[in-house]
Amino acid sequence: MKEKNVEVSVIIPVYNVRKYLRRCIESVLDQNFDNYEIILVDDGSTDGSEELCDLYKSKHDRVRVYHKENGGLSDARNYGIDKSKGRYLAFIDSDDYIAYDYLSTLYTMIVKNKVKISCVSSHKVKTDKLVFSKEDDTDEVDVLSNINTLKRVFKRDDVSVSAWGKMYDRELFNEIRYPKGKLYEDLYTTPYLIEKSEKVALSRSKKYYYYVRKDSITKRTISNKDYSIFEALQNLVDYFGNKYQELYEPAIACYILYTINNIINRLVFVDNGLPTIKKIMKKKKKYWFIALTRRYLPIRLRIQILVLKLSPQLYRNILKVVI
């Protein structure tokens, strides 16, 4: 393949995922779209993933491999961006996989609608079994303004903040990159990329398979690094809430949603976690009040917040039954 003609670069950071890597790469090779390259960024793997990358490189011209010292997911993505040749970029996590028409769908959406970002929906896969949702799986495409797209992202309404599930015009990354050394890297990037894109093409068609590992399902510990999410979330409220009045409440809703799903739902299972939950909720009373009293969030989530406020202990007991 001639590099100068590459239309899409698929960037896959790789770090100690040999168990899942073959499935991921095979799904990207099995596309009904031809004009693309695969960039495997080995981020210092030691489990044989690095050898598997080289094996695919030796067998497929479209596969390019780069080995580097471990620098984290953000650093690997940025490295892949720098090495890429495509006009458009797509990111795939190395333990996930994609449908055969993933690239063609995203590419058609981005070109046909003359936008800089296209998005599709995803399936969640737990221990190799699909988790079916009530959400529609349709090929219908909506073209929304950046502001209306952000409203859906902040509400987690069929548009994920994740880097995957999307195709980007590479020009968006001229000024925006993934933050090295930080967790929750997508919160620092995706909303700002969307803002810069002006318009976004969205489809509920489920073309991406997001794999939830068994160890991540049962993981109920939490470290100080996990609390760095509050910095990313507060940045969203400060930036988008101040710049766009109509995004103030959606940004607060995002703050609360991620606080519940990424912090509180883990703290409830940690020894002495309940007092920490109370401190978190007390610190941002205004945010919790807005999330509870406004109709921006679904009633189910507002009930969830109400139970949390009334009794974290009761919330934990309910969560034990649900999970």
C-alpha atoms as a PDB file:
ATOM      1  CA  MET A   1       0.000   0.000   0.000  1.00  0.00           C
ATOM      2  CA  LYS A   2       1.267   3.456  -0.826  1.00  0.00           C
ATOM      3  CA  GLU A   3       1.404   5.505   2.340  1.00  0.00           C
ATOM      4  CA  LYS A   4       0.585   8.773   0.576  1.00  0.00           C
ATOM      5  CA  ASN A   5      -2.767   7.326  -0.498  1.00  0.00           C
ATOM      6  CA  VAL A   6      -3.858   6.152   2.928  1.00  0.00           C
ATOM      7  CA  GLU A   7      -7.257   7.591   3.778  1.00  0.00           C
ATOM      8  CA  VAL A   8      -7.760   6.187   7.297  1.00  0.00           C
ATOM      9  CA  SER A   9      -5.257   5.356  10.025  1.00  0.00           C
ATOM     10  CA  VAL A  10      -6.422   2.927  12.701  1.00  0.00           C
ATOM     11  CA  ILE A  11      -4.364   3.464  15.851  1.00  0.00           C
ATOM     12  CA  ILE A  12      -4.233   0.620  18.379  1.00  0.00           C
ATOM     13  CA  PRO A  13      -2.171   1.125  21.565  1.00  0.00           C
ATOM     14  CA  VAL A  14      -0.941  -2.237  22.839  1.00  0.00           C
ATOM     15  CA  TYR A  15       0.177  -3.103  26.355  1.00  0.00           C
ATOM     16  CA  ASN A  16       0.193  -6.673  27.707  1.00  0.00           C
ATOM     17  CA  VAL A  17      -3.019  -7.793  26.021  1.00  0.00           C
ATOM     18  CA  ARG A  18      -1.854 -10.888  24.159  1.00  0.00           C
ATOM     19  CA  LYS A  19      -4.971 -12.798  25.249  1.00  0.00           C
ATOM     20  CA  TYR A  20      -7.237 -10.355  23.396  1.00  0.00           C
ATOM     21  CA  LEU A  21      -4.972  -8.840  20.757  1.00  0.00           C
ATOM     22  CA  ARG A  22      -5.425 -11.391  17.976  1.00  0.00           C
ATOM     23  CA  ARG A  23      -9.215 -10.953  18.025  1.00  0.00           C
ATOM     24  CA  CYS A  24      -8.829  -7.184  17.864  1.00  0.00           C
ATOM     25  CA  ILE A  25      -6.376  -7.147  14.962  1.00  0.00           C
ATOM     26  CA  GLU A  26      -8.279  -9.782  12.979  1.00  0.00           C
ATOM     27  CA  SER A  27     -11.453  -7.715  13.219  1.00  0.00           C
ATOM     28  CA  VAL A  28      -9.626  -4.673  11.851  1.00  0.00           C
ATOM     29  CA  LEU A  29      -8.104  -6.685   9.009  1.00  0.00           C
ATOM     30  CA  ASP A  30     -11.521  -8.116   8.119  1.00  0.00           C
ATOM     31  CA  GLN A  31     -13.021  -4.809   6.930  1.00  0.00           C
ATOM     32  CA  ASN A  32     -15.067  -4.198   3.787  1.00  0.00           C
ATOM     33  CA  PHE A  33     -13.077  -0.976   3.420  1.00  0.00           C
ATOM     34  CA  ASP A  34      -9.684  -1.021   1.748  1.00  0.00           C
ATOM     35  CA  ASN A  35      -7.895   2.298   2.025  1.00  0.00           C
ATOM     36  CA  TYR A  36      -6.534   2.163   5.546  1.00  0.00           C
ATOM     37  CA  GLU A  37      -3.473   1.355   7.595  1.00  0.00           C
ATOM     38  CA  ILE A  38      -3.195  -0.262  11.013  1.00  0.00           C
ATOM     39  CA  ILE A  39      -0.743   1.289  13.451  1.00  0.00           C
ATOM     40  CA  LEU A  40       0.129  -0.932  16.408  1.00  0.00           C
ATOM     41  CA  VAL A  41       1.894   1.040  19.125  1.00  0.00           C
ATOM     42  CA  ASP A  42       3.524  -1.440  21.497  1.00  0.00           C
ATOM     43  CA  ASP A  43       3.824   0.502  24.740  1.00  0.00           C
ATOM     44  CA  GLY A  44       6.516  -1.655  26.330  1.00  0.00           C
ATOM     45  CA  SER A  45       4.664  -4.987  26.450  1.00  0.00           C
ATOM     46  CA  THR A  46       6.325  -7.952  28.169  1.00  0.00           C
ATOM     47  CA  ASP A  47       3.718 -10.708  27.729  1.00  0.00           C
ATOM     48  CA  GLY A  48       4.336 -11.557  24.085  1.00  0.00           C
ATOM     49  CA  SER A  49       2.021  -8.901  22.686  1.00  0.00           C
ATOM     50  CA  GLU A  50       5.041  -7.250  21.109  1.00  0.00           C
ATOM     51  CA  GLU A  51       5.915 -10.457  19.236  1.00  0.00           C
ATOM     52  CA  LEU A  52       2.341 -10.865  18.045  1.00  0.00           C
ATOM     53  CA  CYS A  53       2.427  -7.331  16.669  1.00  0.00           C
ATOM     54  CA  ASP A  54       5.563  -8.134  14.692  1.00  0.00           C
ATOM     55  CA  LEU A  55       3.992 -11.346  13.394  1.00  0.00           C
ATOM     56  CA  TYR A  56       1.058  -9.430  11.922  1.00  0.00           C
ATOM     57  CA  LYS A  57       3.415  -6.866  10.457  1.00  0.00           C
ATOM     58  CA  SER A  58       5.318  -9.612   8.637  1.00  0.00           C
ATOM     59  CA  LYS A  59       2.109 -10.995   7.124  1.00  0.00           C
ATOM     60  CA  HIS A  60       0.171  -7.848   6.232  1.00  0.00           C
ATOM     61  CA  ASP A  61       1.459  -4.815   4.348  1.00  0.00           C
ATOM     62  CA  ARG A  62      -1.116  -2.498   5.875  1.00  0.00           C
ATOM     63  CA  VAL A  63       0.135  -3.210   9.418  1.00  0.00           C
ATOM     64  CA  ARG A  64       2.827  -0.940  10.856  1.00  0.00           C
ATOM     65  CA  VAL A  65       4.363  -1.591  14.262  1.00  0.00           C
ATOM     66  CA  TYR A  66       6.209   0.733  16.615  1.00  0.00           C
ATOM     67  CA  HIS A  67       7.841  -0.394  19.846  1.00  0.00           C
ATOM     68  CA  LYS A  68       8.394   2.193  22.572  1.00  0.00           C
ATOM     69  CA  GLU A  69       9.027   2.438  26.287  1.00  0.00           C
ATOM     70  CA  ASN A  70       5.941   2.353  28.440  1.00  0.00           C
ATOM     71  CA  GLY A  71       4.372   5.787  28.646  1.00  0.00           C
ATOM     72  CA  GLY A  72       0.703   5.054  29.151  1.00  0.00           C
ATOM     73  CA  LEU A  73      -2.360   5.079  26.918  1.00  0.00           C
ATOM     74  CA  SER A  74      -2.300   8.796  26.130  1.00  0.00           C
ATOM     75  CA  ASP A  75       1.352   8.722  25.147  1.00  0.00           C
ATOM     76  CA  ALA A  76       0.778   5.682  22.908  1.00  0.00           C
ATOM     77  CA  ARG A  77      -2.155   7.347  21.164  1.00  0.00           C
ATOM     78  CA  ASN A  78      -0.197  10.543  20.598  1.00  0.00           C
ATOM     79  CA  TYR A  79       2.710   8.499  19.245  1.00  0.00           C
ATOM     80  CA  GLY A  80       0.342   6.768  16.830  1.00  0.00           C
ATOM     81  CA  ILE A  81      -1.045  10.108  15.669  1.00  0.00           C
ATOM     82  CA  ASP A  82       2.465  11.341  14.903  1.00  0.00           C
ATOM     83  CA  LYS A  83       3.274   8.208  12.896  1.00  0.00           C
ATOM     84  CA  SER A  84      -0.037   8.048  11.042  1.00  0.00           C
ATOM     85  CA  LYS A  85      -0.476   8.940   7.364  1.00  0.00           C
ATOM     86  CA  GLY A  86      -4.250   8.943   7.028  1.00  0.00           C
ATOM     87  CA  ARG A  87      -6.467  11.948   6.523  1.00  0.00           C
ATOM     88  CA  TYR A  88      -8.808  10.449   9.110  1.00  0.00           C
ATOM     89  CA  LEU A  89      -8.011   8.717  12.393  1.00  0.00           C
ATOM     90  CA  ALA A  90      -9.761   5.981  14.364  1.00  0.00           C
ATOM     91  CA  PHE A  91      -8.724   4.619  17.768  1.00  0.00           C
ATOM     92  CA  ILE A  92      -9.414   1.086  18.946  1.00  0.00           C
ATOM     93  CA  ASP A  93      -8.592  -0.351  22.362  1.00  0.00           C
ATOM     94  CA  SER A  94      -6.597  -3.538  21.991  1.00  0.00           C
ATOM     95  CA  ASP A  95      -8.982  -5.727  24.014  1.00  0.00           C
ATOM     96  CA  ASP A  96     -11.998  -4.599  21.964  1.00  0.00           C
ATOM     97  CA  TYR A  97     -13.042  -5.479  18.420  1.00  0.00           C
ATOM     98  CA  ILE A  98     -15.147  -4.067  15.588  1.00  0.00           C
ATOM     99  CA  ALA A  99     -17.793  -5.083  13.050  1.00  0.00           C
ATOM    100  CA  TYR A 100     -16.699  -5.807   9.471  1.00  0.00           C
ATOM    101  CA  ASP A 101     -18.228  -2.523   8.249  1.00  0.00           C
ATOM    102  CA  TYR A 102     -17.009  -0.333  11.099  1.00  0.00           C
ATOM    103  CA  LEU A 103     -14.552   1.723   9.053  1.00  0.00           C
ATOM    104  CA  SER A 104     -16.742   1.985   5.962  1.00  0.00           C
ATOM    105  CA  THR A 105     -19.684   3.172   8.063  1.00  0.00           C
ATOM    106  CA  LEU A 106     -17.712   5.854   9.876  1.00  0.00           C
ATOM    107  CA  TYR A 107     -15.917   6.937   6.705  1.00  0.00           C
ATOM    108  CA  THR A 108     -19.135   7.264   4.701  1.00  0.00           C
ATOM    109  CA  MET A 109     -20.715   9.279   7.503  1.00  0.00           C
ATOM    110  CA  ILE A 110     -17.811  11.691   7.795  1.00  0.00           C
ATOM    111  CA  VAL A 111     -17.377  12.251   4.040  1.00  0.00           C
ATOM    112  CA  LYS A 112     -21.019  12.267   2.962  1.00  0.00           C
ATOM    113  CA  ASN A 113     -22.058  14.726   5.674  1.00  0.00           C
ATOM    114  CA  LYS A 114     -18.914  16.865   5.401  1.00  0.00           C
ATOM    115  CA  VAL A 115     -18.165  16.748   9.121  1.00  0.00           C
ATOM    116  CA  LYS A 116     -14.968  16.292  11.108  1.00  0.00           C
ATOM    117  CA  ILE A 117     -16.213  13.608  13.497  1.00  0.00           C
ATOM    118  CA  SER A 118     -18.486  10.616  12.961  1.00  0.00           C
ATOM    119  CA  CYS A 119     -19.735   8.339  15.739  1.00  0.00           C
ATOM    120  CA  VAL A 120     -21.379   4.940  16.005  1.00  0.00           C
ATOM    121  CA  SER A 121     -22.753   3.116  19.022  1.00  0.00           C
ATOM    122  CA  SER A 122     -21.346   0.037  20.749  1.00  0.00           C
ATOM    123  CA  HIS A 123     -22.129  -3.352  22.196  1.00  0.00           C
ATOM    124  CA  LYS A 124     -20.876  -4.187  25.671  1.00  0.00           C
ATOM    125  CA  VAL A 125     -19.261  -7.616  25.933  1.00  0.00           C
ATOM    126  CA  LYS A 126     -18.737  -9.268  29.318  1.00  0.00           C
ATOM    127  CA  THR A 127     -16.662 -12.432  29.511  1.00  0.00           C
ATOM    128  CA  ASP A 128     -17.278 -13.079  25.804  1.00  0.00           C
ATOM    129  CA  LYS A 129     -21.057 -12.660  26.083  1.00  0.00           C
ATOM    130  CA  LEU A 130     -22.977  -9.730  24.605  1.00  0.00           C
ATOM    131  CA  VAL A 131     -24.911  -7.589  27.049  1.00  0.00           C
ATOM    132  CA  PHE A 132     -28.061  -6.600  25.214  1.00  0.00           C
ATOM    133  CA  SER A 133     -29.522  -3.158  25.828  1.00  0.00           C
ATOM    134  CA  LYS A 134     -32.894  -1.623  25.084  1.00  0.00           C
ATOM    135  CA  GLU A 135     -31.319   1.008  22.848  1.00  0.00           C
ATOM    136  CA  ASP A 136     -32.254   0.984  19.187  1.00  0.00           C
ATOM    137  CA  ASP A 137     -29.731  -0.355  16.698  1.00  0.00           C
ATOM    138  CA  THR A 138     -30.453   1.658  13.567  1.00  0.00           C
ATOM    139  CA  ASP A 139     -28.484   2.888  10.581  1.00  0.00           C
ATOM    140  CA  GLU A 140     -30.188   6.282  10.680  1.00  0.00           C
ATOM    141  CA  VAL A 141     -27.670   9.139  10.789  1.00  0.00           C
ATOM    142  CA  ASP A 142     -28.189  12.447  12.588  1.00  0.00           C
ATOM    143  CA  VAL A 143     -26.017  15.476  11.927  1.00  0.00           C
ATOM    144  CA  LEU A 144     -25.910  17.671  15.015  1.00  0.00           C
ATOM    145  CA  SER A 145     -24.161  20.867  15.985  1.00  0.00           C
ATOM    146  CA  ASN A 146     -21.203  20.568  18.319  1.00  0.00           C
ATOM    147  CA  ILE A 147     -23.298  21.977  21.183  1.00  0.00           C
ATOM    148  CA  ASN A 148     -26.142  19.490  20.742  1.00  0.00           C
ATOM    149  CA  THR A 149     -23.634  16.662  20.434  1.00  0.00           C
ATOM    150  CA  LEU A 150     -21.994  17.727  23.695  1.00  0.00           C
ATOM    151  CA  LYS A 151     -25.374  17.700  25.415  1.00  0.00           C
ATOM    152  CA  ARG A 152     -25.740  14.053  24.460  1.00  0.00           C
ATOM    153  CA  VAL A 153     -22.167  13.229  25.460  1.00  0.00           C
ATOM    154  CA  PHE A 154     -22.554  14.857  28.868  1.00  0.00           C
ATOM    155  CA  LYS A 155     -25.822  13.014  29.411  1.00  0.00           C
ATOM    156  CA  ARG A 156     -24.199   9.792  28.190  1.00  0.00           C
ATOM    157  CA  ASP A 157     -27.092   9.537  25.764  1.00  0.00           C
ATOM    158  CA  ASP A 158     -25.855   6.966  23.179  1.00  0.00           C
ATOM    159  CA  VAL A 159     -22.720   9.073  22.536  1.00  0.00           C
ATOM    160  CA  SER A 160     -19.722   7.977  24.565  1.00  0.00           C
ATOM    161  CA  VAL A 161     -16.912  10.273  25.647  1.00  0.00           C
ATOM    162  CA  SER A 162     -14.503   7.464  24.739  1.00  0.00           C
ATOM    163  CA  ALA A 163     -11.998   7.905  21.922  1.00  0.00           C
ATOM    164  CA  TRP A 164     -13.226   4.693  20.279  1.00  0.00           C
ATOM    165  CA  GLY A 165     -16.437   4.441  18.289  1.00  0.00           C
ATOM    166  CA  LYS A 166     -15.477   7.506  16.287  1.00  0.00           C
ATOM    167  CA  MET A 167     -13.555   8.719  13.252  1.00  0.00           C
ATOM    168  CA  TYR A 168     -11.779  12.074  13.308  1.00  0.00           C
ATOM    169  CA  ASP A 169     -10.370  14.502  10.795  1.00  0.00           C
ATOM    170  CA  ARG A 170      -6.688  14.487  11.731  1.00  0.00           C
ATOM    171  CA  GLU A 171      -6.586  18.307  11.667  1.00  0.00           C
ATOM    172  CA  LEU A 172      -8.484  18.292  14.965  1.00  0.00           C
ATOM    173  CA  PHE A 173      -5.350  16.958  16.645  1.00  0.00           C
ATOM    174  CA  ASN A 174      -3.113  19.810  15.521  1.00  0.00           C
ATOM    175  CA  GLU A 175      -3.818  21.580  18.817  1.00  0.00           C
ATOM    176  CA  ILE A 176      -5.445  18.913  20.987  1.00  0.00           C
ATOM    177  CA  ARG A 177      -3.633  15.827  22.273  1.00  0.00           C
ATOM    178  CA  TYR A 178      -4.215  13.182  24.917  1.00  0.00           C
ATOM    179  CA  PRO A 179      -2.842  14.194  28.349  1.00  0.00           C
ATOM    180  CA  LYS A 180       0.173  12.090  29.255  1.00  0.00           C
ATOM    181  CA  GLY A 181       0.199  10.707  32.777  1.00  0.00           C
ATOM    182  CA  LYS A 182      -3.492  11.282  33.523  1.00  0.00           C
ATOM    183  CA  LEU A 183      -6.334   8.849  34.032  1.00  0.00           C
ATOM    184  CA  TYR A 184      -9.683   9.471  32.328  1.00  0.00           C
ATOM    185  CA  GLU A 185      -7.797  10.851  29.334  1.00  0.00           C
ATOM    186  CA  ASP A 186     -10.905  10.940  27.136  1.00  0.00           C
ATOM    187  CA  LEU A 187     -12.564  13.520  29.402  1.00  0.00           C
ATOM    188  CA  TYR A 188      -9.635  15.832  28.644  1.00  0.00           C
ATOM    189  CA  THR A 189      -9.949  15.425  24.890  1.00  0.00           C
ATOM    190  CA  THR A 190     -13.191  14.187  23.317  1.00  0.00           C
ATOM    191  CA  PRO A 191     -15.457  17.095  24.412  1.00  0.00           C
ATOM    192  CA  TYR A 192     -12.895  19.621  23.164  1.00  0.00           C
ATOM    193  CA  LEU A 193     -12.487  17.793  19.853  1.00  0.00           C
ATOM    194  CA  ILE A 194     -16.260  17.853  19.426  1.00  0.00           C
ATOM    195  CA  GLU A 195     -16.382  21.575  20.166  1.00  0.00           C
ATOM    196  CA  LYS A 196     -13.767  22.180  17.503  1.00  0.00           C
ATOM    197  CA  SER A 197     -15.573  20.058  14.904  1.00  0.00           C
ATOM    198  CA  GLU A 198     -18.650  22.346  14.607  1.00  0.00           C
ATOM    199  CA  LYS A 199     -20.829  19.472  13.314  1.00  0.00           C
ATOM    200  CA  VAL A 200     -20.883  15.757  14.131  1.00  0.00           C
ATOM    201  CA  ALA A 201     -22.533  12.802  12.364  1.00  0.00           C
ATOM    202  CA  LEU A 202     -24.103  10.317  14.791  1.00  0.00           C
ATOM    203  CA  SER A 203     -25.550   6.850  14.323  1.00  0.00           C
ATOM    204  CA  ARG A 204     -27.043   4.416  16.844  1.00  0.00           C
ATOM    205  CA  SER A 205     -25.762   1.562  14.708  1.00  0.00           C
ATOM    206  CA  LYS A 206     -23.693  -0.703  16.963  1.00  0.00           C
ATOM    207  CA  LYS A 207     -20.423  -1.392  15.208  1.00  0.00           C
ATOM    208  CA  TYR A 208     -17.958  -1.399  18.126  1.00  0.00           C
ATOM    209  CA  TYR A 209     -17.617  -4.205  20.676  1.00  0.00           C
ATOM    210  CA  TYR A 210     -16.459  -2.879  24.030  1.00  0.00           C
ATOM    211  CA  TYR A 211     -15.007  -5.697  26.119  1.00  0.00           C
ATOM    212  CA  VAL A 212     -15.405  -5.532  29.892  1.00  0.00           C
ATOM    213  CA  ARG A 213     -12.812  -7.812  31.424  1.00  0.00           C
ATOM    214  CA  LYS A 214     -13.805 -10.058  34.302  1.00  0.00           C
ATOM    215  CA  ASP A 215     -11.197  -8.463  36.555  1.00  0.00           C
ATOM    216  CA  SER A 216     -12.633  -5.000  35.887  1.00  0.00           C
ATOM    217  CA  ILE A 217     -16.158  -6.199  36.703  1.00  0.00           C
ATOM    218  CA  THR A 218     -15.144  -7.521  40.110  1.00  0.00           C
ATOM    219  CA  LYS A 219     -12.673  -4.739  40.904  1.00  0.00           C
ATOM    220  CA  ARG A 220     -13.976  -2.789  43.865  1.00  0.00           C
ATOM    221  CA  THR A 221     -10.822  -1.093  45.069  1.00  0.00           C
ATOM    222  CA  ILE A 222     -10.056   2.561  44.589  1.00  0.00           C
ATOM    223  CA  SER A 223      -6.805   4.534  44.780  1.00  0.00           C
ATOM    224  CA  ASN A 224      -5.888   8.188  45.118  1.00  0.00           C
ATOM    225  CA  LYS A 225      -5.243   8.320  41.363  1.00  0.00           C
ATOM    226  CA  ASP A 226      -8.903   7.544  40.707  1.00  0.00           C
ATOM    227  CA  TYR A 227      -9.905  10.811  42.344  1.00  0.00           C
ATOM    228  CA  SER A 228      -8.144  12.703  39.560  1.00  0.00           C
ATOM    229  CA  ILE A 229     -11.418  12.365  37.665  1.00  0.00           C
ATOM    230  CA  PHE A 230     -12.707  15.348  39.647  1.00  0.00           C
ATOM    231  CA  GLU A 231     -10.113  17.583  38.006  1.00  0.00           C
ATOM    232  CA  ALA A 232     -11.217  16.533  34.523  1.00  0.00           C
ATOM    233  CA  LEU A 233     -14.903  16.906  35.390  1.00  0.00           C
ATOM    234  CA  GLN A 234     -14.456  20.308  37.012  1.00  0.00           C
ATOM    235  CA  ASN A 235     -12.549  21.457  33.933  1.00  0.00           C
ATOM    236  CA  LEU A 236     -15.593  20.562  31.843  1.00  0.00           C
ATOM    237  CA  VAL A 237     -17.941  22.545  34.078  1.00  0.00           C
ATOM    238  CA  ASP A 238     -15.605  25.547  34.227  1.00  0.00           C
ATOM    239  CA  TYR A 239     -14.873  25.627  30.508  1.00  0.00           C
ATOM    240  CA  PHE A 240     -18.122  24.617  28.823  1.00  0.00           C
ATOM    241  CA  GLY A 241     -20.446  25.873  31.563  1.00  0.00           C
ATOM    242  CA  ASN A 242     -18.931  29.351  31.458  1.00  0.00           C
ATOM    243  CA  LYS A 243     -18.485  29.548  27.701  1.00  0.00           C
ATOM    244  CA  TYR A 244     -21.904  28.174  26.722  1.00  0.00           C
ATOM    245  CA  GLN A 245     -24.813  28.885  29.062  1.00  0.00           C
ATOM    246  CA  GLU A 246     -26.863  26.036  27.584  1.00  0.00           C
ATOM    247  CA  LEU A 247     -24.097  23.580  28.526  1.00  0.00           C
ATOM    248  CA  TYR A 248     -23.886  24.552  32.203  1.00  0.00           C
ATOM    249  CA  GLU A 249     -26.465  22.068  33.480  1.00  0.00           C
ATOM    250  CA  PRO A 250     -25.407  19.313  31.038  1.00  0.00           C
ATOM    251  CA  ALA A 251     -21.803  19.695  32.249  1.00  0.00           C
ATOM    252  CA  ILE A 252     -22.968  19.412  35.858  1.00  0.00           C
ATOM    253  CA  ALA A 253     -24.999  16.333  34.928  1.00  0.00           C
ATOM    254  CA  CYS A 254     -21.811  14.877  33.440  1.00  0.00           C
ATOM    255  CA  TYR A 255     -19.954  15.640  36.678  1.00  0.00           C
ATOM    256  CA  ILE A 256     -22.571  13.799  38.725  1.00  0.00           C
ATOM    257  CA  LEU A 257     -22.932  10.844  36.350  1.00  0.00           C
ATOM    258  CA  TYR A 258     -19.202  10.134  36.274  1.00  0.00           C
ATOM    259  CA  THR A 259     -18.906  10.673  40.020  1.00  0.00           C
ATOM    260  CA  ILE A 260     -21.568   8.028  40.620  1.00  0.00           C
ATOM    261  CA  ASN A 261     -20.408   5.490  38.043  1.00  0.00           C
ATOM    262  CA  ASN A 262     -16.640   5.825  38.443  1.00  0.00           C
ATOM    263  CA  ILE A 263     -16.232   6.672  42.124  1.00  0.00           C
ATOM    264  CA  ILE A 264     -19.303   6.166  44.314  1.00  0.00           C
ATOM    265  CA  ASN A 265     -20.324   2.809  42.828  1.00  0.00           C
ATOM    266  CA  ARG A 266     -16.879   1.539  43.806  1.00  0.00           C
ATOM    267  CA  LEU A 267     -16.639   3.287  47.165  1.00  0.00           C
ATOM    268  CA  VAL A 268     -19.812   1.627  48.441  1.00  0.00           C
ATOM    269  CA  PHE A 269     -17.979  -1.708  48.439  1.00  0.00           C
ATOM    270  CA  VAL A 270     -14.808  -0.396  50.088  1.00  0.00           C
ATOM    271  CA  ASP A 271     -14.246  -0.526  53.847  1.00  0.00           C
ATOM    272  CA  ASN A 272     -15.006   2.902  55.334  1.00  0.00           C
ATOM    273  CA  GLY A 273     -16.168   4.060  51.909  1.00  0.00           C
ATOM    274  CA  LEU A 274     -19.503   5.478  53.073  1.00  0.00           C
ATOM    275  CA  PRO A 275     -17.989   8.446  54.991  1.00  0.00           C
ATOM    276  CA  THR A 276     -16.005   9.344  51.860  1.00  0.00           C
ATOM    277  CA  ILE A 277     -19.199   9.290  49.809  1.00  0.00           C
ATOM    278  CA  LYS A 278     -20.810  11.744  52.218  1.00  0.00           C
ATOM    279  CA  LYS A 279     -17.800  14.066  51.921  1.00  0.00           C
ATOM    280  CA  ILE A 280     -17.947  13.939  48.119  1.00  0.00           C
ATOM    281  CA  MET A 281     -21.637  14.803  48.072  1.00  0.00           C
ATOM    282  CA  LYS A 282     -21.213  17.565  50.648  1.00  0.00           C
ATOM    283  CA  LYS A 283     -18.380  19.192  48.711  1.00  0.00           C
ATOM    284  CA  LYS A 284     -20.511  19.890  45.634  1.00  0.00           C
ATOM    285  CA  LYS A 285     -23.953  20.403  47.174  1.00  0.00           C
ATOM    286  CA  LYS A 286     -24.997  22.782  44.419  1.00  0.00           C
ATOM    287  CA  TYR A 287     -24.194  20.252  41.683  1.00  0.00           C
ATOM    288  CA  TRP A 288     -26.144  17.483  43.387  1.00  0.00           C
ATOM    289  CA  PHE A 289     -29.108  19.810  43.946  1.00  0.00           C
ATOM    290  CA  ILE A 290     -29.172  20.840  40.284  1.00  0.00           C
ATOM    291  CA  ALA A 291     -28.878  17.231  39.105  1.00  0.00           C
ATOM    292  CA  LEU A 292     -31.694  16.170  41.427  1.00  0.00           C
ATOM    293  CA  THR A 293     -34.157  19.003  40.823  1.00  0.00           C
ATOM    294  CA  ARG A 294     -33.757  19.692  37.117  1.00  0.00           C
ATOM    295  CA  ARG A 295     -35.351  17.455  34.523  1.00  0.00           C
ATOM    296  CA  TYR A 296     -32.225  17.125  32.443  1.00  0.00           C
ATOM    297  CA  LEU A 297     -31.431  13.668  33.829  1.00  0.00           C
ATOM    298  CA  PRO A 298     -33.790  10.676  33.483  1.00  0.00           C
ATOM    299  CA  ILE A 299     -36.074  10.026  36.446  1.00  0.00           C
ATOM    300  CA  ARG A 300     -34.243   6.758  37.193  1.00  0.00           C
ATOM    301  CA  LEU A 301     -30.988   8.609  37.801  1.00  0.00           C
ATOM    302  CA  ARG A 302     -32.665  11.289  39.880  1.00  0.00           C
ATOM    303  CA  ILE A 303     -34.159   8.574  42.087  1.00  0.00           C
ATOM    304  CA  GLN A 304     -30.681   7.069  42.338  1.00  0.00           C
ATOM    305  CA  ILE A 305     -29.307  10.414  43.518  1.00  0.00           C
ATOM    306  CA  LEU A 306     -32.145  10.808  46.020  1.00  0.00           C
ATOM    307  CA  VAL A 307     -31.453   7.394  47.559  1.00  0.00           C
ATOM    308  CA  LEU A 308     -27.769   8.285  47.778  1.00  0.00           C
ATOM    309  CA  LYS A 309     -28.548  11.513  49.600  1.00  0.00           C
ATOM    310  CA  LEU A 310     -30.981   9.890  52.014  1.00  0.00           C
ATOM    311  CA  SER A 311     -28.983   6.767  52.806  1.00  0.00           C
ATOM    312  CA  PRO A 312     -25.668   5.668  51.255  1.00  0.00           C
ATOM    313  CA  GLN A 313     -26.099   2.413  53.208  1.00  0.00           C
ATOM    314  CA  LEU A 314     -29.427   1.699  51.496  1.00  0.00           C
ATOM    315  CA  TYR A 315     -27.859   2.607  48.160  1.00  0.00           C
ATOM    316  CA  ARG A 316     -25.098   0.056  48.764  1.00  0.00           C
ATOM    317  CA  ASN A 317     -27.601  -2.673  49.623  1.00  0.00           C
ATOM    318  CA  ILE A 318     -29.559  -1.994  46.442  1.00  0.00           C
ATOM    319  CA  LEU A 319     -26.397  -1.943  44.334  1.00  0.00           C
ATOM    320  CA  LYS A 320     -25.333  -5.329  45.691  1.00  0.00           C
ATOM    321  CA  VAL A 321     -28.543  -6.816  44.331  1.00  0.00           C
ATOM    322  CA  VAL A 322     -28.275  -5.064  40.959  1.00  0.00           C
ATOM    323  CA  ILE A 323     -24.641  -5.916  40.157  1.00  0.00           C
END
